Amino acid sequence: MANYITISGVAILELLRDDYTDIPPEAIAISDAEGELLRRCSNFGDYQYVDGAVVAVAGAAEKRALQAQIETLERAQLMPRLTREVTLVLMASTAAGQGVDEPALYAANIGYKKLKDFEAQIVALRDQMAAL
């Protein structure tokens, strides 16, 4: 089995036949050990292929912990990101159609306030992940 990775370090291609010829032009051959390491860690983004070597990604464990925290909060509230964001947009646009601005909606509608505060909590966690 030959192992290849794209220049961006994202995709790993496992080629089961040595005579396989449809290798993307940007692919780089890597060793079996590097391929195995990347296969074990690719789901978590712990390692990348950089300048001809497999290197650890800084902050990978912290990012996984923050993502797990976000997923736990979303499951506890039964409010995944798409549902939350669409609901906020619909509530704000409905209120705007009735002449109510966002600060007034936030002050008057407890459901909107709780959802907006929950979204702010998730955004803060995503911002922490982005900073790593």
N, C-alpha and C. Protein backbone atom coordinates (compact mmCIF):
# COMPACT_ATOMS: atom_id res chain seq x y z
N MET A 1 0.85 -1.17 0.00
CA MET A 1 0.00 0.00 0.00
C MET A 1 0.90 1.24 0.00
N ALA A 2 0.60 2.15 -0.91
CA ALA A 2 1.34 3.40 -0.96
C ALA A 2 0.51 4.48 -0.27
N ASN A 3 1.17 5.37 0.39
CA ASN A 3 0.50 6.45 1.10
C ASN A 3 0.82 7.78 0.44
N TYR A 4 -0.20 8.58 0.25
CA TYR A 4 -0.01 9.91 -0.32
C TYR A 4 -0.81 10.91 0.50
N ILE A 5 -0.35 12.13 0.46
CA ILE A 5 -1.06 13.21 1.14
C ILE A 5 -1.03 14.42 0.23
N THR A 6 -2.06 15.26 0.31
CA THR A 6 -2.05 16.46 -0.51
C THR A 6 -1.13 17.50 0.10
N ILE A 7 -0.75 18.46 -0.71
CA ILE A 7 0.17 19.49 -0.25
C ILE A 7 -0.41 20.26 0.94
N SER A 8 -1.73 20.42 0.97
CA SER A 8 -2.35 21.14 2.08
C SER A 8 -2.28 20.36 3.39
N GLY A 9 -1.94 19.07 3.30
CA GLY A 9 -1.84 18.26 4.50
C GLY A 9 -3.18 17.74 5.00
N VAL A 10 -4.22 17.86 4.19
CA VAL A 10 -5.55 17.49 4.65
C VAL A 10 -5.91 16.05 4.30
N ALA A 11 -5.82 15.68 3.03
CA ALA A 11 -6.34 14.38 2.61
C ALA A 11 -5.25 13.33 2.54
N ILE A 12 -5.57 12.14 3.02
CA ILE A 12 -4.67 10.99 2.91
C ILE A 12 -5.28 10.05 1.89
N LEU A 13 -4.47 9.60 0.95
CA LEU A 13 -4.95 8.64 -0.04
C LEU A 13 -4.26 7.32 0.22
N GLU A 14 -5.03 6.27 0.42
CA GLU A 14 -4.46 4.94 0.57
C GLU A 14 -4.64 4.21 -0.75
N LEU A 15 -3.56 3.85 -1.37
CA LEU A 15 -3.60 3.17 -2.66
C LEU A 15 -3.29 1.70 -2.44
N LEU A 16 -4.26 0.83 -2.73
CA LEU A 16 -4.13 -0.58 -2.44
C LEU A 16 -3.33 -1.33 -3.50
N ARG A 17 -3.21 -0.76 -4.68
CA ARG A 17 -2.44 -1.44 -5.74
C ARG A 17 -1.26 -0.57 -6.10
N ASP A 18 -0.12 -1.17 -6.25
CA ASP A 18 1.08 -0.41 -6.63
C ASP A 18 0.98 0.14 -8.05
N ASP A 19 0.13 -0.46 -8.88
CA ASP A 19 0.02 0.00 -10.26
C ASP A 19 -1.05 1.08 -10.44
N TYR A 20 -1.58 1.58 -9.35
CA TYR A 20 -2.59 2.64 -9.40
C TYR A 20 -1.94 3.88 -10.00
N THR A 21 -2.57 4.46 -11.01
CA THR A 21 -1.93 5.58 -11.71
C THR A 21 -2.70 6.89 -11.60
N ASP A 22 -3.86 6.89 -11.00
CA ASP A 22 -4.69 8.09 -10.94
C ASP A 22 -4.41 8.91 -9.68
N ILE A 23 -3.14 9.19 -9.44
CA ILE A 23 -2.72 9.95 -8.26
C ILE A 23 -2.84 11.44 -8.59
N PRO A 24 -3.50 12.21 -7.74
CA PRO A 24 -3.59 13.65 -8.01
C PRO A 24 -2.20 14.27 -8.14
N PRO A 25 -2.04 15.24 -9.04
CA PRO A 25 -0.72 15.82 -9.26
C PRO A 25 -0.13 16.51 -8.03
N GLU A 26 -1.00 16.98 -7.12
CA GLU A 26 -0.49 17.67 -5.93
C GLU A 26 -0.13 16.72 -4.80
N ALA A 27 -0.36 15.41 -4.98
CA ALA A 27 -0.10 14.45 -3.91
C ALA A 27 1.40 14.22 -3.72
N ILE A 28 1.77 13.99 -2.48
CA ILE A 28 3.16 13.74 -2.10
C ILE A 28 3.22 12.35 -1.46
N ALA A 29 4.19 11.56 -1.87
CA ALA A 29 4.35 10.23 -1.26
C ALA A 29 4.90 10.39 0.15
N ILE A 30 4.36 9.61 1.09
CA ILE A 30 4.86 9.62 2.46
C ILE A 30 5.14 8.19 2.89
N SER A 31 5.90 8.03 3.95
CA SER A 31 6.29 6.70 4.40
C SER A 31 5.10 5.97 5.03
N ASP A 32 5.24 4.66 5.17
CA ASP A 32 4.18 3.87 5.83
C ASP A 32 3.98 4.34 7.27
N ALA A 33 5.06 4.66 7.97
CA ALA A 33 4.95 5.11 9.36
C ALA A 33 4.20 6.44 9.43
N GLU A 34 4.52 7.36 8.52
CA GLU A 34 3.82 8.65 8.49
C GLU A 34 2.34 8.45 8.15
N GLY A 35 2.09 7.55 7.19
CA GLY A 35 0.71 7.26 6.81
C GLY A 35 -0.09 6.70 7.97
N GLU A 36 0.52 5.78 8.72
CA GLU A 36 -0.16 5.18 9.87
C GLU A 36 -0.42 6.23 10.95
N LEU A 37 0.56 7.07 11.21
CA LEU A 37 0.40 8.12 12.20
C LEU A 37 -0.74 9.06 11.80
N LEU A 38 -0.77 9.45 10.54
CA LEU A 38 -1.82 10.34 10.08
C LEU A 38 -3.19 9.66 10.11
N ARG A 39 -3.25 8.38 9.76
CA ARG A 39 -4.53 7.66 9.81
C ARG A 39 -5.07 7.62 11.24
N ARG A 40 -4.19 7.38 12.21
CA ARG A 40 -4.63 7.31 13.60
C ARG A 40 -5.08 8.67 14.12
N CYS A 41 -4.48 9.74 13.63
CA CYS A 41 -4.72 11.05 14.20
C CYS A 41 -5.54 11.99 13.32
N SER A 42 -5.85 11.58 12.09
CA SER A 42 -6.47 12.52 11.16
C SER A 42 -7.85 12.97 11.59
N ASN A 43 -8.59 12.17 12.35
CA ASN A 43 -9.91 12.59 12.79
C ASN A 43 -9.85 13.75 13.78
N PHE A 44 -8.73 13.93 14.41
CA PHE A 44 -8.62 14.96 15.43
C PHE A 44 -7.75 16.14 14.99
N GLY A 45 -7.13 16.04 13.83
CA GLY A 45 -6.30 17.14 13.37
C GLY A 45 -5.07 17.35 14.21
N ASP A 46 -4.56 16.28 14.86
CA ASP A 46 -3.39 16.43 15.72
C ASP A 46 -2.09 16.60 14.95
N TYR A 47 -2.03 16.12 13.71
CA TYR A 47 -0.79 16.14 12.94
C TYR A 47 -1.04 16.65 11.54
N GLN A 48 0.00 17.27 10.98
CA GLN A 48 -0.02 17.74 9.60
C GLN A 48 1.28 17.35 8.94
N TYR A 49 1.26 17.34 7.62
CA TYR A 49 2.46 17.09 6.84
C TYR A 49 3.00 18.45 6.42
N VAL A 50 4.13 18.85 6.98
CA VAL A 50 4.68 20.18 6.74
C VAL A 50 6.15 20.05 6.38
N ASP A 51 6.53 20.64 5.27
CA ASP A 51 7.93 20.67 4.83
C ASP A 51 8.58 19.28 4.88
N GLY A 52 7.87 18.29 4.39
CA GLY A 52 8.43 16.95 4.29
C GLY A 52 8.43 16.15 5.57
N ALA A 53 7.73 16.61 6.59
CA ALA A 53 7.70 15.89 7.86
C ALA A 53 6.30 15.94 8.47
N VAL A 54 5.97 14.92 9.24
CA VAL A 54 4.71 14.91 9.97
C VAL A 54 4.97 15.60 11.31
N VAL A 55 4.22 16.67 11.56
CA VAL A 55 4.43 17.45 12.79
C VAL A 55 3.12 17.60 13.55
N ALA A 56 3.24 17.75 14.86
CA ALA A 56 2.07 17.94 15.71
C ALA A 56 1.49 19.33 15.49
N VAL A 57 0.19 19.43 15.51
CA VAL A 57 -0.49 20.71 15.38
C VAL A 57 -0.69 21.29 16.77
N ALA A 58 -0.25 22.52 16.96
CA ALA A 58 -0.38 23.17 18.26
C ALA A 58 -1.84 23.39 18.61
N GLY A 59 -2.21 23.08 19.83
CA GLY A 59 -3.55 23.35 20.31
C GLY A 59 -4.60 22.33 19.91
N ALA A 60 -4.21 21.21 19.30
CA ALA A 60 -5.19 20.23 18.82
C ALA A 60 -6.03 19.66 19.97
N ALA A 61 -5.41 19.32 21.07
CA ALA A 61 -6.15 18.75 22.20
C ALA A 61 -7.11 19.78 22.80
N GLU A 62 -6.66 21.02 22.87
CA GLU A 62 -7.52 22.08 23.40
C GLU A 62 -8.72 22.32 22.48
N LYS A 63 -8.48 22.28 21.16
CA LYS A 63 -9.57 22.46 20.21
C LYS A 63 -10.59 21.33 20.32
N ARG A 64 -10.10 20.10 20.48
CA ARG A 64 -11.01 18.97 20.65
C ARG A 64 -11.86 19.15 21.90
N ALA A 65 -11.24 19.61 22.99
CA ALA A 65 -11.97 19.81 24.25
C ALA A 65 -13.03 20.90 24.10
N LEU A 66 -12.69 21.98 23.43
CA LEU A 66 -13.65 23.06 23.21
C LEU A 66 -14.79 22.61 22.31
N GLN A 67 -14.48 21.85 21.25
CA GLN A 67 -15.52 21.34 20.36
C GLN A 67 -16.45 20.39 21.11
N ALA A 68 -15.88 19.55 21.97
CA ALA A 68 -16.69 18.64 22.77
C ALA A 68 -17.61 19.42 23.70
N GLN A 69 -17.11 20.52 24.25
CA GLN A 69 -17.92 21.35 25.13
C GLN A 69 -19.08 21.97 24.36
N ILE A 70 -18.82 22.45 23.15
CA ILE A 70 -19.87 23.02 22.30
C ILE A 70 -20.93 21.96 22.00
N GLU A 71 -20.48 20.78 21.60
CA GLU A 71 -21.43 19.71 21.26
C GLU A 71 -22.26 19.29 22.47
N THR A 72 -21.66 19.26 23.64
CA THR A 72 -22.39 18.91 24.86
C THR A 72 -23.46 19.95 25.16
N LEU A 73 -23.10 21.22 25.05
CA LEU A 73 -24.07 22.30 25.28
C LEU A 73 -25.22 22.23 24.28
N GLU A 74 -24.89 22.02 23.01
CA GLU A 74 -25.93 21.96 21.98
C GLU A 74 -26.87 20.77 22.21
N ARG A 75 -26.32 19.62 22.59
CA ARG A 75 -27.16 18.45 22.87
C ARG A 75 -28.04 18.70 24.09
N ALA A 76 -27.49 19.31 25.12
CA ALA A 76 -28.25 19.56 26.34
C ALA A 76 -29.43 20.50 26.08
N GLN A 77 -29.26 21.44 25.19
CA GLN A 77 -30.31 22.41 24.87
C GLN A 77 -31.16 21.99 23.67
N LEU A 78 -30.79 20.85 23.05
CA LEU A 78 -31.46 20.40 21.82
C LEU A 78 -31.48 21.52 20.78
N MET A 79 -30.33 22.18 20.65
CA MET A 79 -30.26 23.36 19.80
C MET A 79 -28.96 23.37 19.00
N PRO A 80 -28.90 22.59 17.91
CA PRO A 80 -27.70 22.63 17.07
C PRO A 80 -27.55 24.00 16.39
N ARG A 81 -26.40 24.24 15.86
CA ARG A 81 -26.05 25.55 15.32
C ARG A 81 -27.05 26.05 14.28
N LEU A 82 -27.38 25.23 13.31
CA LEU A 82 -28.28 25.68 12.25
C LEU A 82 -29.64 26.09 12.82
N THR A 83 -30.19 25.27 13.67
CA THR A 83 -31.49 25.57 14.27
C THR A 83 -31.43 26.87 15.07
N ARG A 84 -30.38 27.02 15.84
CA ARG A 84 -30.20 28.21 16.68
C ARG A 84 -30.10 29.47 15.82
N GLU A 85 -29.25 29.43 14.81
CA GLU A 85 -29.03 30.62 13.99
C GLU A 85 -30.25 30.98 13.16
N VAL A 86 -30.93 29.98 12.60
CA VAL A 86 -32.14 30.26 11.83
C VAL A 86 -33.23 30.84 12.73
N THR A 87 -33.39 30.28 13.91
CA THR A 87 -34.40 30.78 14.85
C THR A 87 -34.12 32.23 15.22
N LEU A 88 -32.87 32.55 15.49
CA LEU A 88 -32.53 33.94 15.83
C LEU A 88 -32.83 34.89 14.67
N VAL A 89 -32.48 34.50 13.46
CA VAL A 89 -32.74 35.35 12.29
C VAL A 89 -34.24 35.53 12.09
N LEU A 90 -35.01 34.45 12.20
CA LEU A 90 -36.46 34.55 12.01
C LEU A 90 -37.10 35.44 13.08
N MET A 91 -36.67 35.27 14.32
CA MET A 91 -37.24 36.09 15.40
C MET A 91 -36.91 37.56 15.19
N ALA A 92 -35.65 37.84 14.82
CA ALA A 92 -35.24 39.23 14.61
C ALA A 92 -35.94 39.85 13.40
N SER A 93 -36.07 39.09 12.32
CA SER A 93 -36.72 39.65 11.13
C SER A 93 -38.21 39.85 11.35
N THR A 94 -38.85 38.94 12.09
CA THR A 94 -40.27 39.11 12.42
C THR A 94 -40.46 40.36 13.27
N ALA A 95 -39.60 40.53 14.26
CA ALA A 95 -39.70 41.71 15.13
C ALA A 95 -39.44 42.99 14.34
N ALA A 96 -38.45 42.94 13.45
CA ALA A 96 -38.14 44.13 12.64
C ALA A 96 -39.33 44.50 11.77
N GLY A 97 -40.03 43.49 11.26
CA GLY A 97 -41.23 43.75 10.45
C GLY A 97 -42.33 44.42 11.25
N GLN A 98 -42.29 44.27 12.56
CA GLN A 98 -43.27 44.89 13.45
C GLN A 98 -42.73 46.17 14.07
N GLY A 99 -41.57 46.60 13.60
CA GLY A 99 -40.99 47.85 14.09
C GLY A 99 -40.22 47.71 15.40
N VAL A 100 -39.86 46.51 15.78
CA VAL A 100 -39.11 46.29 17.03
C VAL A 100 -37.65 46.03 16.67
N ASP A 101 -36.74 46.82 17.22
CA ASP A 101 -35.32 46.60 16.92
C ASP A 101 -34.75 45.51 17.83
N GLU A 102 -33.53 45.09 17.55
CA GLU A 102 -32.92 43.96 18.26
C GLU A 102 -32.75 44.21 19.76
N PRO A 103 -32.28 45.38 20.20
CA PRO A 103 -32.17 45.60 21.65
C PRO A 103 -33.53 45.53 22.36
N ALA A 104 -34.57 46.04 21.72
CA ALA A 104 -35.90 45.99 22.33
C ALA A 104 -36.42 44.56 22.36
N LEU A 105 -36.16 43.81 21.31
CA LEU A 105 -36.55 42.39 21.26
C LEU A 105 -35.84 41.62 22.36
N TYR A 106 -34.56 41.89 22.52
CA TYR A 106 -33.76 41.23 23.56
C TYR A 106 -34.33 41.53 24.96
N ALA A 107 -34.75 42.76 25.17
CA ALA A 107 -35.28 43.16 26.47
C ALA A 107 -36.69 42.62 26.73
N ALA A 108 -37.48 42.48 25.66
CA ALA A 108 -38.89 42.14 25.84
C ALA A 108 -39.20 40.64 25.70
N ASN A 109 -38.38 39.91 24.97
CA ASN A 109 -38.71 38.51 24.67
C ASN A 109 -37.72 37.59 25.38
N ILE A 110 -38.18 36.91 26.43
CA ILE A 110 -37.30 36.05 27.23
C ILE A 110 -36.74 34.89 26.41
N GLY A 111 -37.53 34.36 25.49
CA GLY A 111 -37.06 33.26 24.64
C GLY A 111 -35.91 33.71 23.74
N TYR A 112 -36.07 34.89 23.15
CA TYR A 112 -35.02 35.44 22.29
C TYR A 112 -33.76 35.73 23.13
N LYS A 113 -33.97 36.29 24.32
CA LYS A 113 -32.84 36.62 25.19
C LYS A 113 -32.05 35.37 25.55
N LYS A 114 -32.75 34.31 25.96
CA LYS A 114 -32.06 33.07 26.35
C LYS A 114 -31.32 32.46 25.16
N LEU A 115 -31.96 32.46 23.99
CA LEU A 115 -31.31 31.90 22.81
C LEU A 115 -30.12 32.74 22.38
N LYS A 116 -30.25 34.03 22.45
CA LYS A 116 -29.15 34.94 22.08
C LYS A 116 -27.98 34.78 23.06
N ASP A 117 -28.26 34.63 24.34
CA ASP A 117 -27.21 34.42 25.34
C ASP A 117 -26.52 33.07 25.12
N PHE A 118 -27.31 32.06 24.78
CA PHE A 118 -26.74 30.74 24.49
C PHE A 118 -25.83 30.82 23.26
N GLU A 119 -26.28 31.50 22.24
CA GLU A 119 -25.47 31.68 21.02
C GLU A 119 -24.17 32.42 21.36
N ALA A 120 -24.23 33.42 22.22
CA ALA A 120 -23.03 34.16 22.62
C ALA A 120 -22.04 33.25 23.34
N GLN A 121 -22.56 32.33 24.14
CA GLN A 121 -21.70 31.38 24.84
C GLN A 121 -20.98 30.46 23.84
N ILE A 122 -21.70 29.99 22.84
CA ILE A 122 -21.11 29.12 21.82
C ILE A 122 -20.11 29.89 20.98
N VAL A 123 -20.44 31.11 20.61
CA VAL A 123 -19.52 31.95 19.83
C VAL A 123 -18.24 32.19 20.60
N ALA A 124 -18.32 32.40 21.89
CA ALA A 124 -17.12 32.61 22.71
C ALA A 124 -16.23 31.37 22.67
N LEU A 125 -16.83 30.18 22.74
CA LEU A 125 -16.05 28.95 22.65
C LEU A 125 -15.42 28.78 21.27
N ARG A 126 -16.17 29.11 20.20
CA ARG A 126 -15.61 29.03 18.85
C ARG A 126 -14.47 30.03 18.68
N ASP A 127 -14.60 31.21 19.28
CA ASP A 127 -13.53 32.20 19.21
C ASP A 127 -12.27 31.69 19.92
N GLN A 128 -12.46 30.99 21.04
CA GLN A 128 -11.30 30.40 21.74
C GLN A 128 -10.62 29.38 20.85
N MET A 129 -11.42 28.56 20.14
CA MET A 129 -10.83 27.57 19.23
C MET A 129 -10.05 28.25 18.11
N ALA A 130 -10.61 29.31 17.57
CA ALA A 130 -9.96 30.01 16.46
C ALA A 130 -8.65 30.65 16.91
N ALA A 131 -8.57 31.04 18.17
CA ALA A 131 -7.37 31.70 18.68
C ALA A 131 -6.21 30.73 18.91
N LEU A 132 -6.51 29.43 18.96
CA LEU A 132 -5.45 28.45 19.21
C LEU A 132 -4.61 28.21 17.97
